[in-house]
Every structure is written in C-alpha cells, then in structure tokens.
All heavy atoms as atom14 arrays in JSON, in Angstrom:
{
  "sequence": "PKNFHIGGDVQPKRDLTHVMKWPKYVRLQRQKVVLNKRLKVPP",
  "atom14_mask": [
    [1, 1, 1, 1, 1, 1, 1, 0, 0, 0, 0, 0, 0, 0],
    [1, 1, 1, 1, 1, 1, 1, 1, 1, 0, 0, 0, 0, 0],
    [1, 1, 1, 1, 1, 1, 1, 1, 0, 0, 0, 0, 0, 0],
    [1, 1, 1, 1, 1, 1, 1, 1, 1, 1, 1, 0, 0, 0],
    [1, 1, 1, 1, 1, 1, 1, 1, 1, 1, 0, 0, 0, 0],
    [1, 1, 1, 1, 1, 1, 1, 1, 0, 0, 0, 0, 0, 0],
    [1, 1, 1, 1, 0, 0, 0, 0, 0, 0, 0, 0, 0, 0],
    [1, 1, 1, 1, 0, 0, 0, 0, 0, 0, 0, 0, 0, 0],
    [1, 1, 1, 1, 1, 1, 1, 1, 0, 0, 0, 0, 0, 0],
    [1, 1, 1, 1, 1, 1, 1, 0, 0, 0, 0, 0, 0, 0],
    [1, 1, 1, 1, 1, 1, 1, 1, 1, 0, 0, 0, 0, 0],
    [1, 1, 1, 1, 1, 1, 1, 0, 0, 0, 0, 0, 0, 0],
    [1, 1, 1, 1, 1, 1, 1, 1, 1, 0, 0, 0, 0, 0],
    [1, 1, 1, 1, 1, 1, 1, 1, 1, 1, 1, 0, 0, 0],
    [1, 1, 1, 1, 1, 1, 1, 1, 0, 0, 0, 0, 0, 0],
    [1, 1, 1, 1, 1, 1, 1, 1, 0, 0, 0, 0, 0, 0],
    [1, 1, 1, 1, 1, 1, 1, 0, 0, 0, 0, 0, 0, 0],
    [1, 1, 1, 1, 1, 1, 1, 1, 1, 1, 0, 0, 0, 0],
    [1, 1, 1, 1, 1, 1, 1, 0, 0, 0, 0, 0, 0, 0],
    [1, 1, 1, 1, 1, 1, 1, 1, 0, 0, 0, 0, 0, 0],
    [1, 1, 1, 1, 1, 1, 1, 1, 1, 0, 0, 0, 0, 0],
    [1, 1, 1, 1, 1, 1, 1, 1, 1, 1, 1, 1, 1, 1],
    [1, 1, 1, 1, 1, 1, 1, 0, 0, 0, 0, 0, 0, 0],
    [1, 1, 1, 1, 1, 1, 1, 1, 1, 0, 0, 0, 0, 0],
    [1, 1, 1, 1, 1, 1, 1, 1, 1, 1, 1, 1, 0, 0],
    [1, 1, 1, 1, 1, 1, 1, 0, 0, 0, 0, 0, 0, 0],
    [1, 1, 1, 1, 1, 1, 1, 1, 1, 1, 1, 0, 0, 0],
    [1, 1, 1, 1, 1, 1, 1, 1, 0, 0, 0, 0, 0, 0],
    [1, 1, 1, 1, 1, 1, 1, 1, 1, 0, 0, 0, 0, 0],
    [1, 1, 1, 1, 1, 1, 1, 1, 1, 1, 1, 0, 0, 0],
    [1, 1, 1, 1, 1, 1, 1, 1, 1, 0, 0, 0, 0, 0],
    [1, 1, 1, 1, 1, 1, 1, 1, 1, 0, 0, 0, 0, 0],
    [1, 1, 1, 1, 1, 1, 1, 0, 0, 0, 0, 0, 0, 0],
    [1, 1, 1, 1, 1, 1, 1, 0, 0, 0, 0, 0, 0, 0],
    [1, 1, 1, 1, 1, 1, 1, 1, 0, 0, 0, 0, 0, 0],
    [1, 1, 1, 1, 1, 1, 1, 1, 0, 0, 0, 0, 0, 0],
    [1, 1, 1, 1, 1, 1, 1, 1, 1, 0, 0, 0, 0, 0],
    [1, 1, 1, 1, 1, 1, 1, 1, 1, 1, 1, 0, 0, 0],
    [1, 1, 1, 1, 1, 1, 1, 1, 0, 0, 0, 0, 0, 0],
    [1, 1, 1, 1, 1, 1, 1, 1, 1, 0, 0, 0, 0, 0],
    [1, 1, 1, 1, 1, 1, 1, 0, 0, 0, 0, 0, 0, 0],
    [1, 1, 1, 1, 1, 1, 1, 0, 0, 0, 0, 0, 0, 0],
    [1, 1, 1, 1, 1, 1, 1, 0, 0, 0, 0, 0, 0, 0]
  ],
  "atom14_positions": [
    [[0.83, -1.24, 0.05], [-0.02, 0.0, 0.03], [0.87, 1.28, -0.03], [1.96, 1.31, 0.57], [-0.82, -0.13, 1.33], [-0.07, -1.08, 2.19], [0.65, -2.01, 1.23], [0.0, 0.0, 0.0], [0.0, 0.0, 0.0], [0.0, 0.0, 0.0], [0.0, 0.0, 0.0], [0.0, 0.0, 0.0], [0.0, 0.0, 0.0], [0.0, 0.0, 0.0]],
    [[0.4, 2.34, -0.73], [1.14, 3.55, -0.8], [1.14, 4.3, 0.46], [0.13, 4.28, 1.23], [0.56, 4.45, -1.97], [0.84, 3.87, -3.33], [0.49, 4.87, -4.43], [0.88, 4.29, -5.72], [0.56, 5.28, -6.79], [0.0, 0.0, 0.0], [0.0, 0.0, 0.0], [0.0, 0.0, 0.0], [0.0, 0.0, 0.0], [0.0, 0.0, 0.0]],
    [[2.28, 4.98, 0.73], [2.41, 5.8, 1.97], [2.54, 7.26, 1.52], [3.51, 7.66, 0.93], [3.62, 5.28, 2.7], [3.87, 6.18, 3.91], [2.96, 6.83, 4.44], [5.13, 6.19, 4.41], [0.0, 0.0, 0.0], [0.0, 0.0, 0.0], [0.0, 0.0, 0.0], [0.0, 0.0, 0.0], [0.0, 0.0, 0.0], [0.0, 0.0, 0.0]],
    [[1.55, 8.12, 1.88], [1.54, 9.45, 1.34], [2.0, 10.41, 2.47], [1.82, 11.65, 2.38], [0.12, 9.92, 0.94], [-0.35, 9.23, -0.29], [-1.54, 8.52, -0.31], [0.42, 9.3, -1.42], [-1.91, 7.81, -1.45], [0.0, 8.66, -2.58], [-1.2, 7.89, -2.61], [0.0, 0.0, 0.0], [0.0, 0.0, 0.0], [0.0, 0.0, 0.0]],
    [[2.67, 9.92, 3.51], [3.34, 10.79, 4.49], [4.61, 11.43, 3.96], [5.02, 11.11, 2.84], [3.65, 9.92, 5.79], [2.45, 9.45, 6.51], [1.61, 10.33, 7.23], [1.87, 8.19, 6.61], [0.57, 9.56, 7.74], [0.75, 8.32, 7.38], [0.0, 0.0, 0.0], [0.0, 0.0, 0.0], [0.0, 0.0, 0.0], [0.0, 0.0, 0.0]],
    [[5.11, 12.4, 4.71], [6.28, 13.09, 4.28], [7.43, 12.12, 4.04], [7.79, 11.26, 4.88], [6.74, 14.14, 5.33], [5.68, 15.18, 5.51], [8.04, 14.81, 4.97], [5.93, 16.17, 6.68], [0.0, 0.0, 0.0], [0.0, 0.0, 0.0], [0.0, 0.0, 0.0], [0.0, 0.0, 0.0], [0.0, 0.0, 0.0], [0.0, 0.0, 0.0]],
    [[8.03, 12.27, 2.87], [9.12, 11.32, 2.45], [8.64, 10.09, 1.85], [9.48, 9.24, 1.5], [0.0, 0.0, 0.0], [0.0, 0.0, 0.0], [0.0, 0.0, 0.0], [0.0, 0.0, 0.0], [0.0, 0.0, 0.0], [0.0, 0.0, 0.0], [0.0, 0.0, 0.0], [0.0, 0.0, 0.0], [0.0, 0.0, 0.0], [0.0, 0.0, 0.0]],
    [[7.32, 9.88, 1.69], [6.75, 8.72, 1.16], [6.53, 8.82, -0.3], [7.32, 9.43, -1.06], [0.0, 0.0, 0.0], [0.0, 0.0, 0.0], [0.0, 0.0, 0.0], [0.0, 0.0, 0.0], [0.0, 0.0, 0.0], [0.0, 0.0, 0.0], [0.0, 0.0, 0.0], [0.0, 0.0, 0.0], [0.0, 0.0, 0.0], [0.0, 0.0, 0.0]],
    [[5.45, 8.23, -0.81], [5.11, 8.19, -2.2], [4.7, 9.57, -2.7], [4.34, 10.52, -1.93], [3.99, 7.24, -2.49], [4.45, 5.78, -2.22], [5.39, 5.38, -2.79], [3.73, 5.08, -1.4], [0.0, 0.0, 0.0], [0.0, 0.0, 0.0], [0.0, 0.0, 0.0], [0.0, 0.0, 0.0], [0.0, 0.0, 0.0], [0.0, 0.0, 0.0]],
    [[4.8, 9.76, -4.04], [4.38, 11.03, -4.64], [2.92, 11.19, -4.52], [2.13, 10.34, -4.78], [4.83, 11.07, -6.13], [4.41, 12.32, -6.85], [6.37, 10.86, -6.28], [0.0, 0.0, 0.0], [0.0, 0.0, 0.0], [0.0, 0.0, 0.0], [0.0, 0.0, 0.0], [0.0, 0.0, 0.0], [0.0, 0.0, 0.0], [0.0, 0.0, 0.0]],
    [[2.52, 12.49, -4.11], [1.16, 12.78, -3.94], [0.41, 12.72, -5.25], [0.96, 13.15, -6.27], [0.98, 14.17, -3.27], [1.53, 14.26, -1.87], [0.57, 13.74, -0.84], [-0.57, 13.55, -1.14], [1.04, 13.37, 0.32], [0.0, 0.0, 0.0], [0.0, 0.0, 0.0], [0.0, 0.0, 0.0], [0.0, 0.0, 0.0], [0.0, 0.0, 0.0]],
    [[-0.85, 12.33, -5.28], [-1.64, 12.43, -6.54], [-1.94, 13.81, -6.89], [-1.97, 14.69, -6.08], [-2.9, 11.62, -6.17], [-3.05, 11.73, -4.67], [-1.68, 11.79, -4.16], [0.0, 0.0, 0.0], [0.0, 0.0, 0.0], [0.0, 0.0, 0.0], [0.0, 0.0, 0.0], [0.0, 0.0, 0.0], [0.0, 0.0, 0.0], [0.0, 0.0, 0.0]],
    [[-2.15, 14.04, -8.23], [-2.45, 15.39, -8.63], [-3.89, 15.76, -8.27], [-4.86, 14.98, -8.41], [-2.34, 15.44, -10.21], [-0.89, 15.5, -10.72], [-0.82, 15.67, -12.21], [0.64, 15.67, -12.65], [0.77, 15.81, -14.08], [0.0, 0.0, 0.0], [0.0, 0.0, 0.0], [0.0, 0.0, 0.0], [0.0, 0.0, 0.0], [0.0, 0.0, 0.0]],
    [[-4.0, 16.97, -7.77], [-5.36, 17.48, -7.31], [-5.58, 18.86, -7.98], [-4.69, 19.55, -8.3], [-5.33, 17.69, -5.79], [-5.2, 16.43, -5.02], [-5.32, 16.65, -3.53], [-5.18, 15.51, -2.77], [-4.0, 14.98, -2.23], [-2.88, 15.59, -2.58], [-4.02, 13.88, -1.54], [0.0, 0.0, 0.0], [0.0, 0.0, 0.0], [0.0, 0.0, 0.0]],
    [[-6.88, 19.18, -8.15], [-7.25, 20.44, -8.75], [-7.26, 21.47, -7.65], [-8.07, 21.52, -6.76], [-8.69, 20.35, -9.35], [-9.09, 21.63, -10.04], [-8.17, 22.48, -10.29], [-10.22, 21.79, -10.4], [0.0, 0.0, 0.0], [0.0, 0.0, 0.0], [0.0, 0.0, 0.0], [0.0, 0.0, 0.0], [0.0, 0.0, 0.0], [0.0, 0.0, 0.0]],
    [[-6.2, 22.36, -7.64], [-6.02, 23.37, -6.66], [-6.42, 24.73, -7.08], [-6.01, 25.75, -6.52], [-4.59, 23.4, -6.17], [-3.96, 22.08, -5.63], [-2.48, 22.24, -5.35], [-4.74, 21.62, -4.37], [0.0, 0.0, 0.0], [0.0, 0.0, 0.0], [0.0, 0.0, 0.0], [0.0, 0.0, 0.0], [0.0, 0.0, 0.0], [0.0, 0.0, 0.0]],
    [[-7.37, 24.87, -8.08], [-7.77, 26.17, -8.6], [-8.45, 26.98, -7.52], [-8.21, 28.2, -7.47], [-8.74, 25.93, -9.79], [-8.16, 24.97, -10.66], [-9.04, 27.25, -10.48], [0.0, 0.0, 0.0], [0.0, 0.0, 0.0], [0.0, 0.0, 0.0], [0.0, 0.0, 0.0], [0.0, 0.0, 0.0], [0.0, 0.0, 0.0], [0.0, 0.0, 0.0]],
    [[-9.26, 26.32, -6.64], [-10.05, 27.08, -5.68], [-9.15, 27.62, -4.56], [-9.62, 28.54, -3.87], [-11.11, 26.18, -5.08], [-10.62, 25.0, -4.34], [-10.01, 23.93, -4.99], [-10.61, 24.65, -3.04], [-9.63, 22.99, -4.09], [-9.97, 23.4, -2.89], [0.0, 0.0, 0.0], [0.0, 0.0, 0.0], [0.0, 0.0, 0.0], [0.0, 0.0, 0.0]],
    [[-7.96, 27.05, -4.37], [-7.06, 27.58, -3.32], [-5.89, 28.43, -3.86], [-5.11, 28.89, -3.12], [-6.52, 26.5, -2.41], [-7.62, 25.79, -1.65], [-5.71, 25.46, -3.22], [0.0, 0.0, 0.0], [0.0, 0.0, 0.0], [0.0, 0.0, 0.0], [0.0, 0.0, 0.0], [0.0, 0.0, 0.0], [0.0, 0.0, 0.0], [0.0, 0.0, 0.0]],
    [[-5.84, 28.57, -5.22], [-4.75, 29.29, -5.81], [-4.93, 30.81, -5.62], [-6.05, 31.25, -5.87], [-4.6, 28.92, -7.33], [-3.59, 29.7, -8.04], [-3.41, 29.2, -9.76], [-2.3, 30.39, -10.35], [0.0, 0.0, 0.0], [0.0, 0.0, 0.0], [0.0, 0.0, 0.0], [0.0, 0.0, 0.0], [0.0, 0.0, 0.0], [0.0, 0.0, 0.0]],
    [[-3.88, 31.46, -5.32], [-4.02, 33.0, -5.32], [-3.52, 33.55, -6.68], [-2.42, 33.5, -6.98], [-3.01, 33.5, -4.19], [-3.28, 35.03, -3.99], [-2.49, 35.54, -2.83], [-2.76, 37.0, -2.63], [-2.03, 37.57, -1.49], [0.0, 0.0, 0.0], [0.0, 0.0, 0.0], [0.0, 0.0, 0.0], [0.0, 0.0, 0.0], [0.0, 0.0, 0.0]],
    [[-4.59, 33.97, -7.38], [-4.35, 34.45, -8.72], [-3.71, 35.86, -8.69], [-3.81, 36.61, -7.67], [-5.65, 34.61, -9.55], [-6.33, 33.28, -9.77], [-7.23, 32.66, -9.03], [-6.04, 32.43, -10.85], [-7.53, 31.42, -9.59], [-6.85, 31.26, -10.71], [-5.21, 32.53, -11.98], [-6.86, 30.24, -11.6], [-5.21, 31.49, -12.96], [-6.02, 30.36, -12.77]],
    [[-2.98, 36.25, -9.76], [-2.34, 37.6, -9.78], [-3.44, 38.68, -9.7], [-4.59, 38.46, -9.97], [-1.72, 37.65, -11.17], [-1.51, 36.19, -11.57], [-2.64, 35.48, -10.99], [0.0, 0.0, 0.0], [0.0, 0.0, 0.0], [0.0, 0.0, 0.0], [0.0, 0.0, 0.0], [0.0, 0.0, 0.0], [0.0, 0.0, 0.0], [0.0, 0.0, 0.0]],
    [[-2.97, 39.86, -9.16], [-3.91, 40.92, -8.89], [-4.72, 41.35, -10.09], [-5.93, 41.65, -10.06], [-3.19, 42.13, -8.28], [-4.12, 43.13, -7.63], [-3.36, 44.25, -6.97], [-4.31, 45.22, -6.33], [-3.63, 46.3, -5.62], [0.0, 0.0, 0.0], [0.0, 0.0, 0.0], [0.0, 0.0, 0.0], [0.0, 0.0, 0.0], [0.0, 0.0, 0.0]],
    [[-3.99, 41.39, -11.23], [-4.71, 41.9, -12.5], [-5.82, 40.97, -12.88], [-6.88, 41.37, -13.45], [-3.73, 42.16, -13.61], [-3.25, 40.88, -14.3], [-3.87, 40.51, -15.51], [-2.15, 40.19, -13.88], [-3.41, 39.33, -16.19], [-1.73, 39.11, -14.49], [-2.33, 38.64, -15.68], [-1.84, 37.54, -16.37], [0.0, 0.0, 0.0], [0.0, 0.0, 0.0]],
    [[-5.59, 39.64, -12.62], [-6.66, 38.61, -13.02], [-7.81, 38.77, -12.07], [-8.99, 38.76, -12.55], [-6.05, 37.23, -12.9], [-7.13, 36.19, -13.1], [-4.93, 37.01, -13.92], [0.0, 0.0, 0.0], [0.0, 0.0, 0.0], [0.0, 0.0, 0.0], [0.0, 0.0, 0.0], [0.0, 0.0, 0.0], [0.0, 0.0, 0.0], [0.0, 0.0, 0.0]],
    [[-7.55, 39.01, -10.76], [-8.62, 39.18, -9.83], [-9.43, 40.43, -10.13], [-10.65, 40.47, -10.04], [-8.11, 39.29, -8.38], [-7.76, 37.88, -7.83], [-7.17, 38.03, -6.41], [-5.71, 38.34, -6.44], [-5.17, 39.12, -5.49], [-5.81, 39.61, -4.55], [-3.82, 39.36, -5.62], [0.0, 0.0, 0.0], [0.0, 0.0, 0.0], [0.0, 0.0, 0.0]],
    [[-8.75, 41.5, -10.52], [-9.44, 42.73, -10.81], [-10.3, 42.54, -12.11], [-11.47, 43.1, -12.13], [-8.45, 43.88, -11.08], [-7.78, 44.44, -9.84], [-6.67, 45.43, -10.2], [-8.79, 45.1, -8.89], [0.0, 0.0, 0.0], [0.0, 0.0, 0.0], [0.0, 0.0, 0.0], [0.0, 0.0, 0.0], [0.0, 0.0, 0.0], [0.0, 0.0, 0.0]],
    [[-9.82, 41.85, -13.08], [-10.61, 41.56, -14.3], [-11.87, 40.86, -13.97], [-12.97, 41.21, -14.4], [-9.8, 40.75, -15.31], [-8.71, 41.6, -16.01], [-7.83, 40.64, -16.88], [-7.93, 39.47, -16.81], [-6.94, 41.27, -17.64], [0.0, 0.0, 0.0], [0.0, 0.0, 0.0], [0.0, 0.0, 0.0], [0.0, 0.0, 0.0], [0.0, 0.0, 0.0]],
    [[-11.76, 39.82, -13.13], [-12.86, 38.98, -12.81], [-13.87, 39.74, -11.95], [-15.14, 39.61, -12.1], [-12.44, 37.68, -12.1], [-11.61, 36.79, -12.98], [-11.12, 35.54, -12.31], [-10.45, 34.69, -13.26], [-9.81, 33.6, -12.88], [-9.86, 33.14, -11.68], [-9.2, 32.86, -13.79], [0.0, 0.0, 0.0], [0.0, 0.0, 0.0], [0.0, 0.0, 0.0]],
    [[-13.45, 40.55, -11.0], [-14.29, 41.3, -10.15], [-15.1, 42.34, -10.98], [-16.25, 42.65, -10.72], [-13.5, 42.0, -9.04], [-13.02, 41.03, -7.96], [-11.89, 41.68, -7.08], [-11.63, 42.85, -7.24], [-11.39, 40.92, -6.15], [0.0, 0.0, 0.0], [0.0, 0.0, 0.0], [0.0, 0.0, 0.0], [0.0, 0.0, 0.0], [0.0, 0.0, 0.0]],
    [[-14.35, 42.97, -11.94], [-15.01, 43.9, -12.8], [-16.13, 43.29, -13.6], [-17.26, 43.89, -13.73], [-14.01, 44.54, -13.75], [-14.56, 45.62, -14.64], [-13.54, 46.15, -15.54], [-14.06, 47.24, -16.47], [-13.06, 47.74, -17.5], [0.0, 0.0, 0.0], [0.0, 0.0, 0.0], [0.0, 0.0, 0.0], [0.0, 0.0, 0.0], [0.0, 0.0, 0.0]],
    [[-15.93, 42.09, -14.14], [-16.95, 41.38, -14.89], [-18.22, 41.08, -14.0], [-19.33, 41.31, -14.45], [-16.43, 40.03, -15.49], [-17.52, 39.2, -16.07], [-15.36, 40.4, -16.54], [0.0, 0.0, 0.0], [0.0, 0.0, 0.0], [0.0, 0.0, 0.0], [0.0, 0.0, 0.0], [0.0, 0.0, 0.0], [0.0, 0.0, 0.0], [0.0, 0.0, 0.0]],
    [[-17.95, 40.68, -12.78], [-19.01, 40.35, -11.9], [-19.74, 41.59, -11.48], [-21.08, 41.6, -11.49], [-18.49, 39.64, -10.59], [-19.57, 39.45, -9.54], [-17.92, 38.3, -10.98], [0.0, 0.0, 0.0], [0.0, 0.0, 0.0], [0.0, 0.0, 0.0], [0.0, 0.0, 0.0], [0.0, 0.0, 0.0], [0.0, 0.0, 0.0], [0.0, 0.0, 0.0]],
    [[-19.03, 42.71, -11.26], [-19.74, 43.95, -10.85], [-20.61, 44.49, -12.05], [-21.72, 45.0, -11.77], [-18.7, 45.0, -10.49], [-18.1, 44.92, -9.07], [-17.07, 45.96, -8.87], [-19.24, 45.17, -8.04], [0.0, 0.0, 0.0], [0.0, 0.0, 0.0], [0.0, 0.0, 0.0], [0.0, 0.0, 0.0], [0.0, 0.0, 0.0], [0.0, 0.0, 0.0]],
    [[-20.14, 44.34, -13.25], [-20.88, 44.78, -14.39], [-22.12, 43.99, -14.59], [-23.11, 44.46, -15.15], [-20.1, 44.71, -15.68], [-19.05, 45.83, -15.8], [-19.3, 46.9, -15.24], [-18.03, 45.65, -16.46], [0.0, 0.0, 0.0], [0.0, 0.0, 0.0], [0.0, 0.0, 0.0], [0.0, 0.0, 0.0], [0.0, 0.0, 0.0], [0.0, 0.0, 0.0]],
    [[-22.16, 42.79, -14.1], [-23.36, 41.94, -14.14], [-24.36, 42.32, -13.01], [-25.59, 42.33, -13.21], [-23.03, 40.48, -14.05], [-22.39, 39.83, -15.32], [-22.17, 38.38, -15.05], [-21.46, 37.81, -16.31], [-21.17, 36.37, -16.14], [0.0, 0.0, 0.0], [0.0, 0.0, 0.0], [0.0, 0.0, 0.0], [0.0, 0.0, 0.0], [0.0, 0.0, 0.0]],
    [[-23.78, 42.56, -11.78], [-24.66, 42.76, -10.62], [-25.25, 44.16, -10.53], [-26.42, 44.37, -10.27], [-23.84, 42.52, -9.38], [-23.21, 41.13, -9.28], [-24.25, 40.03, -8.96], [-23.63, 38.67, -9.04], [-23.6, 37.89, -10.1], [-24.16, 38.3, -11.17], [-22.96, 36.73, -10.03], [0.0, 0.0, 0.0], [0.0, 0.0, 0.0], [0.0, 0.0, 0.0]],
    [[-24.43, 45.15, -10.8], [-24.83, 46.55, -10.66], [-25.65, 47.03, -11.85], [-25.54, 46.43, -12.99], [-23.68, 47.46, -10.51], [-22.77, 47.21, -9.29], [-21.57, 48.15, -9.24], [-23.53, 47.26, -7.96], [0.0, 0.0, 0.0], [0.0, 0.0, 0.0], [0.0, 0.0, 0.0], [0.0, 0.0, 0.0], [0.0, 0.0, 0.0], [0.0, 0.0, 0.0]],
    [[-26.39, 48.12, -11.73], [-27.1, 48.71, -12.88], [-26.09, 49.45, -13.69], [-25.33, 50.27, -13.21], [-28.2, 49.6, -12.33], [-29.47, 48.91, -12.01], [-30.63, 49.9, -11.76], [-31.94, 49.24, -11.62], [-33.04, 50.18, -11.59], [0.0, 0.0, 0.0], [0.0, 0.0, 0.0], [0.0, 0.0, 0.0], [0.0, 0.0, 0.0], [0.0, 0.0, 0.0]],
    [[-26.12, 49.17, -15.02], [-25.17, 49.76, -15.92], [-25.88, 50.8, -16.78], [-26.89, 50.49, -17.41], [-24.51, 48.72, -16.9], [-23.47, 49.34, -17.76], [-23.82, 47.67, -15.97], [0.0, 0.0, 0.0], [0.0, 0.0, 0.0], [0.0, 0.0, 0.0], [0.0, 0.0, 0.0], [0.0, 0.0, 0.0], [0.0, 0.0, 0.0], [0.0, 0.0, 0.0]],
    [[-25.42, 52.05, -16.82], [-26.08, 53.06, -17.58], [-26.09, 52.78, -19.09], [-25.23, 52.03, -19.57], [-25.26, 54.35, -17.38], [-24.44, 54.09, -16.13], [-24.29, 52.59, -16.1], [0.0, 0.0, 0.0], [0.0, 0.0, 0.0], [0.0, 0.0, 0.0], [0.0, 0.0, 0.0], [0.0, 0.0, 0.0], [0.0, 0.0, 0.0], [0.0, 0.0, 0.0]],
    [[-27.11, 53.24, -19.86], [-27.22, 52.89, -21.26], [-25.98, 53.3, -22.06], [-25.63, 52.56, -23.0], [-28.42, 53.75, -21.74], [-29.21, 53.95, -20.53], [-28.24, 54.07, -19.37], [0.0, 0.0, 0.0], [0.0, 0.0, 0.0], [0.0, 0.0, 0.0], [0.0, 0.0, 0.0], [0.0, 0.0, 0.0], [0.0, 0.0, 0.0], [0.0, 0.0, 0.0]]
  ]
}
C-alpha cells in the first residue's frame, strides 16, 4: 500500500484552482466582470 506521509510516495495530482492565489490583475478583471453583471449599468 502507498504511503503518502512526508518522504513517502508522490502525492496524486489535485485540482487546486479554488485555493490558488491568482495575480492581482486577474482578480481585478474577474471582479469587474461580476460587478458589471450585478450593478445597474447606464445605457
């Protein structure tokens, strides 16, 4: 059986997108898109 403790077997690949700290410009782009959807936008 595999041992996943420190110094043991290689850890399996996991999707860490939800815990990744994205660069500031990416976060600002995404926040702007969300705000444009939520707030009232003038004609």
